[in-house]
Every structure is written in C-alpha cells, then in structure tokens.
Amino acid sequence: MANAANNRPLSPHLQIYKPIPTMISSIMHRITGGALYFGTVLVAWWLIAIASGEGYYNAAQWVFGSIIGQIILFGFTWALVQHMLGGLKHFMWDLGYGFEKHFTTRLAKAQFVAAPVITVILWIIGYLVR
C-alpha cells in the first residue's frame, strides 16, 4: 500500500502485526508504568493520612481494607512487580546481554508467569507478618 500524496509505503499498523510475547511485554511495561503513577497517589494519600491524625488514618485504612481497596492494592502490587521485572530485563539489555531471539521470547513469557507468582507470594508474606 502506498501513500497517494507522496507515493511512499505506509507503516504497518498494530492490526497487521501478530502479537508476540516480547511485543506484549513491551506494551505491558508501558501500561504498568502509567498505572504506577495512579498507584503512587494512593501511597501519598496513605502517608498524608498517617501524618494527619488517627481519624484520617482510620478512614484510609478502612478504604484500603475494603474488598475493592484490597483488589486495587493487589493490582498495584502486580503492576509494580510486572514493571520491575520489565525494568530488570531492560537493565540486562543495557548491559548488552540477552538479545538472542529465543531468549528474549522465553524471558517475556517467564515475566508473565513470574509477576503474578511474586505478587501472590508478597501478599501471603504480608498477611503472615500482619
């Protein structure tokens, strides 16, 4: 297909590409990065509630302790772990390692398995310590 005005080929759109694990991993890294901005607002709210006194802290704890609050916190934890694993992968690439096609695919697949597992382990540890 060509651009009629300049007679140049058009760049393929996402609908043309077949989703592969490394592409999905990259997209998830960007999505979780954005989600962490909103999660940081929750952390800031909790810290402000602590500094504002017992009443505000109890209100924040009630919100975070509700079923919806727990689901949001679980999602925030997963996003944090998923983004961290993606960041570690990028750090490894920055050092010049892991560019082989089959290795990057296995690493992306492992990231999708490891993030929920690590998240659940963190939550289990959190409940045991609590």
Protein backbone atom coordinates (compact mmCIF):
# COMPACT_ATOMS: atom_id res chain seq x y z
CA MET A 1 0.00 0.00 0.00
CA ALA A 2 1.34 3.45 -0.80
CA ASN A 3 0.68 6.92 0.44
CA ALA A 4 -1.06 8.53 -2.54
CA ALA A 5 0.33 12.03 -1.89
CA ASN A 6 4.00 11.04 -1.59
CA ASN A 7 3.95 7.59 -3.22
CA ARG A 8 5.69 6.15 -0.16
CA PRO A 9 4.78 2.89 1.63
CA LEU A 10 2.62 3.23 4.72
CA SER A 11 3.89 1.91 8.01
CA PRO A 12 2.03 -1.21 9.14
CA HIS A 13 -0.47 -0.76 11.95
CA LEU A 14 -0.79 -2.91 15.08
CA GLN A 15 -3.65 -4.78 13.43
CA ILE A 16 -1.19 -6.18 10.87
CA TYR A 17 1.41 -7.42 13.36
CA LYS A 18 0.96 -10.80 15.04
CA PRO A 19 1.18 -10.30 18.83
CA ILE A 20 4.35 -11.93 20.13
CA PRO A 21 5.46 -12.21 23.77
CA THR A 22 8.14 -9.51 23.51
CA MET A 23 5.69 -7.06 21.95
CA ILE A 24 3.07 -7.75 24.63
CA SER A 25 5.77 -7.44 27.31
CA SER A 26 6.76 -4.02 25.96
CA ILE A 27 3.14 -2.85 25.88
CA MET A 28 2.54 -4.12 29.42
CA HIS A 29 5.67 -2.33 30.63
CA ARG A 30 4.25 0.95 29.33
CA ILE A 31 0.76 0.28 30.75
CA THR A 32 2.07 -0.69 34.18
CA GLY A 33 4.32 2.37 34.19
CA GLY A 34 1.26 4.54 33.69
CA ALA A 35 -0.71 2.63 36.32
CA LEU A 36 2.06 3.20 38.84
CA TYR A 37 1.50 6.96 38.58
CA PHE A 38 -2.04 6.47 39.86
CA GLY A 39 -0.93 3.95 42.48
CA THR A 40 1.58 6.45 43.81
CA VAL A 41 -1.33 8.81 44.53
CA LEU A 42 -2.76 6.10 46.81
CA VAL A 43 0.57 5.76 48.62
CA ALA A 44 0.75 9.55 49.02
CA TRP A 45 -2.83 9.62 50.34
CA TRP A 46 -1.99 6.92 52.88
CA LEU A 47 1.14 8.80 54.03
CA ILE A 48 -0.79 12.07 54.32
CA ALA A 49 -3.47 10.25 56.32
CA ILE A 50 -0.81 8.96 58.72
CA ALA A 51 0.53 12.48 59.19
CA SER A 52 -2.95 13.98 59.59
CA GLY A 53 -4.01 12.03 62.65
CA GLU A 54 -5.78 8.93 63.81
CA GLY A 55 -9.17 9.77 62.28
CA TYR A 56 -7.79 10.25 58.77
CA TYR A 57 -5.56 7.19 59.13
CA ASN A 58 -8.52 5.04 60.22
CA ALA A 59 -10.53 6.28 57.21
CA ALA A 60 -7.70 5.41 54.83
CA GLN A 61 -7.27 2.02 56.46
CA TRP A 62 -11.00 1.37 56.10
CA VAL A 63 -10.85 2.18 52.37
CA PHE A 64 -7.74 0.06 51.80
CA GLY A 65 -9.17 -2.73 53.95
CA SER A 66 -12.40 -2.96 51.94
CA ILE A 67 -12.71 -5.61 49.26
CA ILE A 68 -12.43 -3.00 46.49
CA GLY A 69 -9.43 -1.43 48.22
CA GLN A 70 -7.75 -4.82 48.51
CA ILE A 71 -8.34 -5.51 44.80
CA ILE A 72 -6.87 -2.13 43.89
CA LEU A 73 -3.86 -2.70 46.15
CA PHE A 74 -3.36 -6.19 44.70
CA GLY A 75 -3.45 -4.70 41.18
CA PHE A 76 -0.99 -2.01 42.24
CA THR A 77 1.34 -4.67 43.65
CA TRP A 78 1.11 -6.71 40.45
CA ALA A 79 1.78 -3.61 38.31
CA LEU A 80 4.79 -2.77 40.47
CA VAL A 81 6.23 -6.29 40.15
CA GLN A 82 5.46 -6.54 36.42
CA HIS A 83 7.08 -3.17 35.76
CA MET A 84 10.08 -4.04 37.94
CA LEU A 85 10.68 -7.29 36.03
CA GLY A 86 10.46 -5.40 32.74
CA GLY A 87 12.89 -2.84 34.08
CA LEU A 88 15.34 -5.57 35.10
CA LYS A 89 15.07 -7.00 31.59
CA HIS A 90 15.86 -3.58 30.12
CA PHE A 91 18.76 -3.18 32.53
CA MET A 92 20.14 -6.52 31.34
CA TRP A 93 19.78 -5.32 27.74
CA ASP A 94 21.54 -2.06 28.65
CA LEU A 95 24.48 -4.16 29.81
CA GLY A 96 24.49 -5.89 26.41
CA TYR A 97 23.06 -9.28 27.38
CA GLY A 98 20.05 -11.30 26.29
CA PHE A 99 19.40 -10.12 22.74
CA GLU A 100 19.00 -13.60 21.25
CA LYS A 101 15.50 -14.01 19.79
CA HIS A 102 14.62 -17.25 21.57
CA PHE A 103 15.99 -15.99 24.89
CA THR A 104 14.01 -12.74 24.75
CA THR A 105 10.83 -14.69 23.98
CA ARG A 106 11.41 -17.06 26.90
CA LEU A 107 12.20 -14.11 29.17
CA ALA A 108 8.97 -12.33 28.19
CA LYS A 109 6.93 -15.49 28.83
CA ALA A 110 8.69 -16.01 32.17
CA GLN A 111 7.87 -12.42 33.12
CA PHE A 112 4.14 -13.08 32.65
CA VAL A 113 4.36 -16.12 34.91
CA ALA A 114 6.71 -14.63 37.50
CA ALA A 115 4.85 -11.36 38.11
CA PRO A 116 1.60 -12.91 39.41
CA VAL A 117 3.50 -15.56 41.36
CA ILE A 118 5.73 -12.98 43.05
CA THR A 119 2.68 -10.79 43.73
CA VAL A 120 0.83 -13.64 45.45
CA ILE A 121 3.94 -14.54 47.46
CA LEU A 122 4.30 -10.92 48.59
CA TRP A 123 0.66 -10.82 49.67
CA ILE A 124 0.97 -14.10 51.56
CA ILE A 125 4.05 -12.78 53.35
CA GLY A 126 2.18 -9.55 54.09
CA TYR A 127 -0.75 -11.39 55.66
CA LEU A 128 1.56 -13.67 57.67
CA VAL A 129 3.54 -10.72 59.04
CA ARG A 130 0.37 -8.78 59.75
